[in-house]
Amino acid sequence: MIKRSGIPLALITLLAGCSTTPPPLVSDSAPGRRLDPGQIADAVPKVEPRSRYGNPDSYAVFGKRYEVMDSSYGYREQGIASWYGTKFHGRRTSSGEPYDMYAMTAAHKQLPLPTYVRVTNLRNGRSAVVKVNDRGPFHANRIIDLSYAAATKLGILAEGTGLVEVHTIDPASPSPPPPSQLNAEPDHERSPDLFIQVGAFSSHHNAHRLRQRLEQNLSRTIRIQQTDRDGNKLFRVQVGPLPTVEQVDNLSLQLADLGIQNLHVVIEQPGLKPH
C-alpha cells in the first residue's frame, strides 16, 4: 500500500474561497487493475471554458490561503509530485468533474481550472500531458498531485513521489511532444540534487547570519548561492544536498521548529548552474 503524499481537493470537497475544517487523513492505494505505461495516452489539450466553481479568487485550506492565478500562461516550475488513487476515485473534484484515477488528470493549488500541463520526470526523462481539474496537494513541499494513470506513465508510482518539471500548454497551439523516453533508465550517478531554500537576501551579511544560526542547530551543509536579478545581487541560503524526499520533509519539520516557515524546494540538475 502506498502512503499518501498529498491531499487533493477531491477529499476536502469544493472550496469557495472560505476556510474548512481539516478532515481526518486516510491512507490511499493503487487499484488492483494495473496499467501498462506504454499504453497510456496523454490527455489531448483542447480549448475549454473556465470551471464555474473551481476558480474562486482565493480559498483557504488548513489555515493557509491560496490565490488562484489569473492566467496559466508561461507557468513553469520544478518540484515534488505526489499522486492519488482509490480513496478518491469517483469523488467530485473542485472543477465539478468526478475524479477518475485512470484518466490523465492532476490537482494543483493555484493554476486556473482547467489547465493542460506537460509534466516531466527529472530522474528518468519520461513526460506526460495531463489536465489539471482539481485542487491540491495540500502537503508541504508538493507542487502537483497526479492521477494514478499519470503517475504510472511517469514512473513515480512505487516511490509515491517524484521530482518533476511542470509547464503549461496552450490548447490553441500545443507544442509537439518531445521524443519518447519511456524506456530511458534513470542515471543514478547524475540524479538531481535536492535543496531546501530557507531565505533570500539582498545583503550577504544577512544571509551569512542565517547560515551561522542554522549551522548551530542543524548537522547539515548550508550554502549561500549568489545570483543576479534585474542587475541586483541576491543571496539565497540553501540546505543540502538532500538525497531523498523523505529527508526534505523531515528537515522541513526541523526548520519549522526553528521558526522558519516559508521554505522552497530547489531541484538542481547535474551540470547546470543553479538559478
Protein backbone atom coordinates (compact mmCIF):
# COMPACT_ATOMS: atom_id res chain seq x y z
CA MET A 1 0.00 0.00 0.00
CA ILE A 2 1.29 3.44 -0.96
CA LYS A 3 1.42 6.13 1.70
CA ARG A 4 -0.33 9.26 0.52
CA SER A 5 1.98 12.20 -0.05
CA GLY A 6 -0.58 14.93 -0.75
CA ILE A 7 -4.22 15.77 -0.08
CA PRO A 8 -6.29 16.63 -3.16
CA LEU A 9 -9.43 18.69 -3.03
CA ALA A 10 -11.40 15.62 -4.07
CA LEU A 11 -11.02 14.66 -0.39
CA ILE A 12 -11.76 18.07 1.07
CA THR A 13 -14.68 18.86 -1.30
CA LEU A 14 -15.17 22.04 -3.26
CA LEU A 15 -13.95 25.22 -1.59
CA ALA A 16 -15.46 28.55 -2.48
CA GLY A 17 -12.87 30.88 -1.01
CA CYS A 18 -13.54 30.10 2.65
CA SER A 19 -11.84 28.05 5.33
CA THR A 20 -12.78 24.47 6.06
CA THR A 21 -12.20 22.10 8.96
CA PRO A 22 -9.46 19.60 8.02
CA PRO A 23 -10.83 16.07 7.54
CA PRO A 24 -9.14 13.04 9.08
CA LEU A 25 -6.25 11.77 6.99
CA VAL A 26 -6.84 8.49 5.23
CA SER A 27 -4.44 6.14 3.54
CA ASP A 28 -4.55 5.78 -0.21
CA SER A 29 -3.54 2.95 -2.50
CA ALA A 30 -3.24 1.76 -6.07
CA PRO A 31 -6.11 -0.25 -7.57
CA GLY A 32 -5.90 -3.94 -8.33
CA ARG A 33 -6.06 -3.15 -12.04
CA ARG A 34 -2.55 -2.32 -13.22
CA LEU A 35 -1.78 -0.21 -16.29
CA ASP A 36 0.92 -0.62 -18.93
CA PRO A 37 2.88 2.66 -19.03
CA GLY A 38 3.48 2.22 -22.75
CA GLN A 39 -0.26 2.08 -23.47
CA ILE A 40 -1.29 5.19 -21.53
CA ALA A 41 -2.21 8.03 -23.88
CA ASP A 42 -1.64 11.68 -22.98
CA ALA A 43 -4.54 14.00 -22.33
CA VAL A 44 -5.41 15.91 -25.50
CA PRO A 45 -5.34 19.68 -24.90
CA LYS A 46 -8.46 21.50 -26.04
CA VAL A 47 -9.89 24.96 -25.51
CA GLU A 48 -12.42 24.82 -22.68
CA PRO A 49 -14.26 27.43 -20.62
CA ARG A 50 -13.09 28.00 -17.09
CA SER A 51 -14.76 25.93 -14.43
CA ARG A 52 -17.65 27.84 -12.94
CA TYR A 53 -16.98 26.51 -9.45
CA GLY A 54 -13.26 25.77 -9.44
CA ASN A 55 -11.81 29.25 -9.78
CA PRO A 56 -12.55 31.45 -6.77
CA ASP A 57 -10.23 34.41 -6.33
CA SER A 58 -8.84 32.64 -3.28
CA TYR A 59 -9.59 29.82 -0.86
CA ALA A 60 -8.17 28.52 2.42
CA VAL A 61 -7.19 25.00 3.47
CA PHE A 62 -5.68 24.07 6.85
CA GLY A 63 -5.44 27.75 7.75
CA LYS A 64 -3.44 28.71 4.65
CA ARG A 65 -4.87 30.89 1.90
CA TYR A 66 -4.16 30.26 -1.77
CA GLU A 67 -4.64 32.76 -4.61
CA VAL A 68 -5.89 31.31 -7.89
CA MET A 69 -3.80 32.52 -10.83
CA ASP A 70 -5.47 34.81 -13.37
CA SER A 71 -3.67 33.05 -16.20
CA SER A 72 -1.61 29.92 -16.67
CA TYR A 73 0.45 31.49 -19.47
CA GLY A 74 4.19 30.95 -19.07
CA TYR A 75 3.92 28.90 -15.88
CA ARG A 76 6.89 26.59 -15.36
CA GLU A 77 8.03 25.11 -12.05
CA GLN A 78 10.18 22.31 -10.73
CA GLY A 79 9.33 20.47 -7.55
CA ILE A 80 7.99 17.30 -5.96
CA ALA A 81 4.96 15.49 -7.34
CA SER A 82 2.67 13.09 -5.48
CA TRP A 83 -0.30 11.02 -6.67
CA TYR A 84 -3.75 9.93 -5.53
CA GLY A 85 -5.77 6.80 -6.22
CA THR A 86 -8.55 4.56 -4.89
CA LYS A 87 -9.64 6.64 -1.88
CA PHE A 88 -10.68 9.48 -4.17
CA HIS A 89 -11.86 7.61 -7.27
CA GLY A 90 -15.32 8.82 -8.24
CA ARG A 91 -15.36 11.77 -5.84
CA ARG A 92 -16.09 15.24 -7.06
CA THR A 93 -13.11 17.38 -7.96
CA SER A 94 -13.13 21.14 -7.48
CA SER A 95 -13.95 21.60 -11.18
CA GLY A 96 -17.10 19.55 -10.68
CA GLU A 97 -15.85 16.55 -12.65
CA PRO A 98 -15.61 13.18 -10.89
CA TYR A 99 -12.06 12.09 -10.15
CA ASP A 100 -11.06 9.22 -12.44
CA MET A 101 -7.77 7.65 -11.38
CA TYR A 102 -7.45 6.04 -14.82
CA ALA A 103 -7.66 9.41 -16.63
CA MET A 104 -4.69 11.72 -17.25
CA THR A 105 -5.51 14.42 -14.75
CA ALA A 106 -3.90 16.29 -11.87
CA ALA A 107 -4.50 18.64 -8.95
CA HIS A 108 -2.75 21.98 -8.49
CA LYS A 109 -3.18 24.62 -5.81
CA GLN A 110 -3.21 27.76 -7.95
CA LEU A 111 -3.49 27.11 -11.70
CA PRO A 112 -6.83 28.03 -13.29
CA LEU A 113 -9.15 25.09 -13.88
CA PRO A 114 -8.91 23.55 -16.34
CA THR A 115 -5.28 23.91 -17.44
CA TYR A 116 -3.27 21.47 -19.52
CA VAL A 117 0.33 20.89 -18.48
CA ARG A 118 3.25 18.74 -19.50
CA VAL A 119 4.89 17.00 -16.56
CA THR A 120 8.43 15.65 -16.97
CA ASN A 121 10.09 13.24 -14.55
CA LEU A 122 13.53 14.74 -13.96
CA ARG A 123 15.00 11.39 -12.91
CA ASN A 124 14.07 9.26 -15.91
CA GLY A 125 13.07 11.69 -18.66
CA ARG A 126 9.51 10.43 -19.07
CA SER A 127 6.88 13.07 -19.79
CA ALA A 128 3.09 13.17 -19.89
CA VAL A 129 0.34 15.67 -20.69
CA VAL A 130 -2.38 15.95 -18.06
CA LYS A 131 -5.47 18.06 -17.48
CA VAL A 132 -5.45 19.96 -14.18
CA ASN A 133 -9.03 19.76 -12.92
CA ASP A 134 -8.65 19.65 -9.13
CA ARG A 135 -7.09 21.50 -6.19
CA GLY A 136 -4.21 20.08 -4.17
CA PRO A 137 -1.90 18.66 -2.97
CA PHE A 138 -2.13 20.34 0.44
CA HIS A 139 1.09 18.84 1.75
CA ALA A 140 4.26 20.83 2.31
CA ASN A 141 6.87 20.59 -0.45
CA ARG A 142 4.49 19.27 -3.15
CA ILE A 143 3.60 21.19 -6.32
CA ILE A 144 1.26 18.78 -8.16
CA ASP A 145 -0.84 15.71 -7.40
CA LEU A 146 -1.09 13.26 -10.30
CA SER A 147 -3.75 10.70 -11.10
CA TYR A 148 -2.85 7.02 -10.75
CA ALA A 149 -2.57 6.76 -14.55
CA ALA A 150 -0.27 9.78 -14.85
CA ALA A 151 1.94 8.55 -12.01
CA THR A 152 2.19 5.17 -13.71
CA LYS A 153 3.22 6.71 -17.03
CA LEU A 154 5.83 8.90 -15.37
CA GLY A 155 7.27 6.06 -13.29
CA ILE A 156 6.69 7.52 -9.81
CA LEU A 157 4.05 5.07 -8.63
CA ALA A 158 6.24 2.83 -6.46
CA GLU A 159 8.03 5.60 -4.57
CA GLY A 160 4.91 7.68 -4.12
CA THR A 161 6.66 10.91 -5.13
CA GLY A 162 8.84 12.14 -7.97
CA LEU A 163 10.97 15.11 -8.99
CA VAL A 164 9.25 16.85 -11.87
CA GLU A 165 9.06 19.91 -14.04
CA VAL A 166 5.61 21.23 -14.85
CA HIS A 167 4.88 23.69 -17.64
CA THR A 168 1.62 24.80 -19.16
CA ILE A 169 0.39 24.08 -22.67
CA ASP A 170 -1.65 26.50 -24.77
CA PRO A 171 -4.56 24.37 -26.07
CA ALA A 172 -4.92 26.72 -29.05
CA SER A 173 -1.40 25.87 -30.25
CA PRO A 174 0.02 22.93 -28.27
CA SER A 175 3.69 22.28 -28.85
CA PRO A 176 4.67 18.86 -30.21
CA PRO A 177 5.68 16.30 -27.58
CA PRO A 178 9.38 15.63 -27.02
CA PRO A 179 10.87 12.34 -28.23
CA SER A 180 9.60 9.39 -26.21
CA GLN A 181 11.92 8.42 -23.37
CA LEU A 182 9.66 5.76 -21.91
CA ASN A 183 12.40 3.16 -21.84
CA ALA A 184 15.11 5.50 -20.61
CA GLU A 185 16.73 4.37 -17.39
CA PRO A 186 17.49 6.95 -14.71
CA ASP A 187 21.15 7.87 -14.38
CA HIS A 188 21.65 7.39 -10.65
CA GLU A 189 25.11 8.97 -10.84
CA ARG A 190 23.57 12.15 -12.22
CA SER A 191 20.31 12.24 -10.32
CA PRO A 192 19.09 15.76 -9.49
CA ASP A 193 20.11 17.23 -6.14
CA LEU A 194 17.53 18.47 -3.65
CA PHE A 195 17.97 21.59 -1.53
CA ILE A 196 15.67 23.49 0.82
CA GLN A 197 15.88 27.23 0.34
CA VAL A 198 15.31 28.94 3.68
CA GLY A 199 15.81 32.56 2.72
CA ALA A 200 16.89 35.03 0.04
CA PHE A 201 18.56 38.34 0.86
CA SER A 202 19.92 41.38 -0.92
CA SER A 203 22.57 41.54 1.83
CA HIS A 204 25.29 38.90 2.04
CA HIS A 205 25.70 39.79 5.72
CA ASN A 206 22.09 38.82 6.47
CA ALA A 207 22.44 35.60 4.50
CA HIS A 208 25.62 34.75 6.40
CA ARG A 209 23.91 35.39 9.75
CA LEU A 210 21.12 32.96 8.86
CA ARG A 211 23.63 30.34 7.75
CA GLN A 212 25.51 30.68 11.05
CA ARG A 213 22.29 30.30 13.01
CA LEU A 214 21.33 27.16 11.11
CA GLU A 215 24.80 25.67 11.43
CA GLN A 216 24.41 25.90 15.19
CA ASN A 217 21.16 23.93 15.09
CA LEU A 218 21.48 21.54 12.15
CA SER A 219 24.05 18.95 11.24
CA ARG A 220 23.66 19.77 7.55
CA THR A 221 25.66 21.51 4.87
CA ILE A 222 24.37 25.03 4.26
CA ARG A 223 25.39 27.10 1.26
CA ILE A 224 24.87 30.64 0.03
CA GLN A 225 24.16 30.90 -3.69
CA GLN A 226 24.69 34.31 -5.31
CA THR A 227 22.52 35.19 -8.28
CA ASP A 228 21.69 38.36 -10.16
CA ARG A 229 18.12 39.59 -10.56
CA ASP A 230 17.48 42.68 -12.65
CA GLY A 231 21.05 43.78 -12.08
CA ASN A 232 20.86 43.33 -8.30
CA LYS A 233 22.64 40.66 -6.30
CA LEU A 234 20.57 38.10 -4.43
CA PHE A 235 21.97 35.72 -1.83
CA ARG A 236 20.00 32.50 -1.35
CA VAL A 237 20.53 30.37 1.75
CA GLN A 238 20.02 26.68 0.96
CA VAL A 239 20.36 23.48 2.99
CA GLY A 240 21.58 20.37 1.18
CA PRO A 241 22.03 18.46 -0.96
CA LEU A 242 19.44 16.04 0.42
CA PRO A 243 19.24 12.56 -1.13
CA THR A 244 15.52 11.81 -0.66
CA VAL A 245 12.11 13.46 -0.49
CA GLU A 246 11.68 11.92 2.97
CA GLN A 247 14.74 13.80 4.22
CA VAL A 248 13.36 17.00 2.69
CA ASP A 249 10.12 16.51 4.61
CA ASN A 250 11.86 15.66 7.89
CA LEU A 251 14.20 18.63 7.63
CA SER A 252 11.28 20.92 6.84
CA LEU A 253 9.75 19.95 10.18
CA GLN A 254 13.03 20.71 11.96
CA LEU A 255 13.21 24.10 10.27
CA ALA A 256 9.61 24.84 11.25
CA ASP A 257 10.58 24.17 14.88
CA LEU A 258 13.26 26.83 14.44
CA GLY A 259 10.63 29.30 13.27
CA ILE A 260 11.46 29.08 9.56
CA GLN A 261 8.21 28.52 7.67
CA ASN A 262 8.50 29.88 4.14
CA LEU A 263 10.55 27.13 2.56
CA HIS A 264 11.17 26.38 -1.09
CA VAL A 265 12.44 23.11 -2.55
CA VAL A 266 15.15 23.60 -5.16
CA ILE A 267 15.96 20.88 -7.68
CA GLU A 268 19.41 21.24 -9.18
CA GLN A 269 20.18 19.34 -12.34
CA PRO A 270 23.72 17.93 -12.67
CA GLY A 271 25.93 20.12 -14.82
CA LEU A 272 23.55 23.09 -14.71
CA LYS A 273 24.15 26.26 -12.75
CA PRO A 274 21.53 26.98 -10.10
CA HIS A 275 19.21 29.90 -10.86
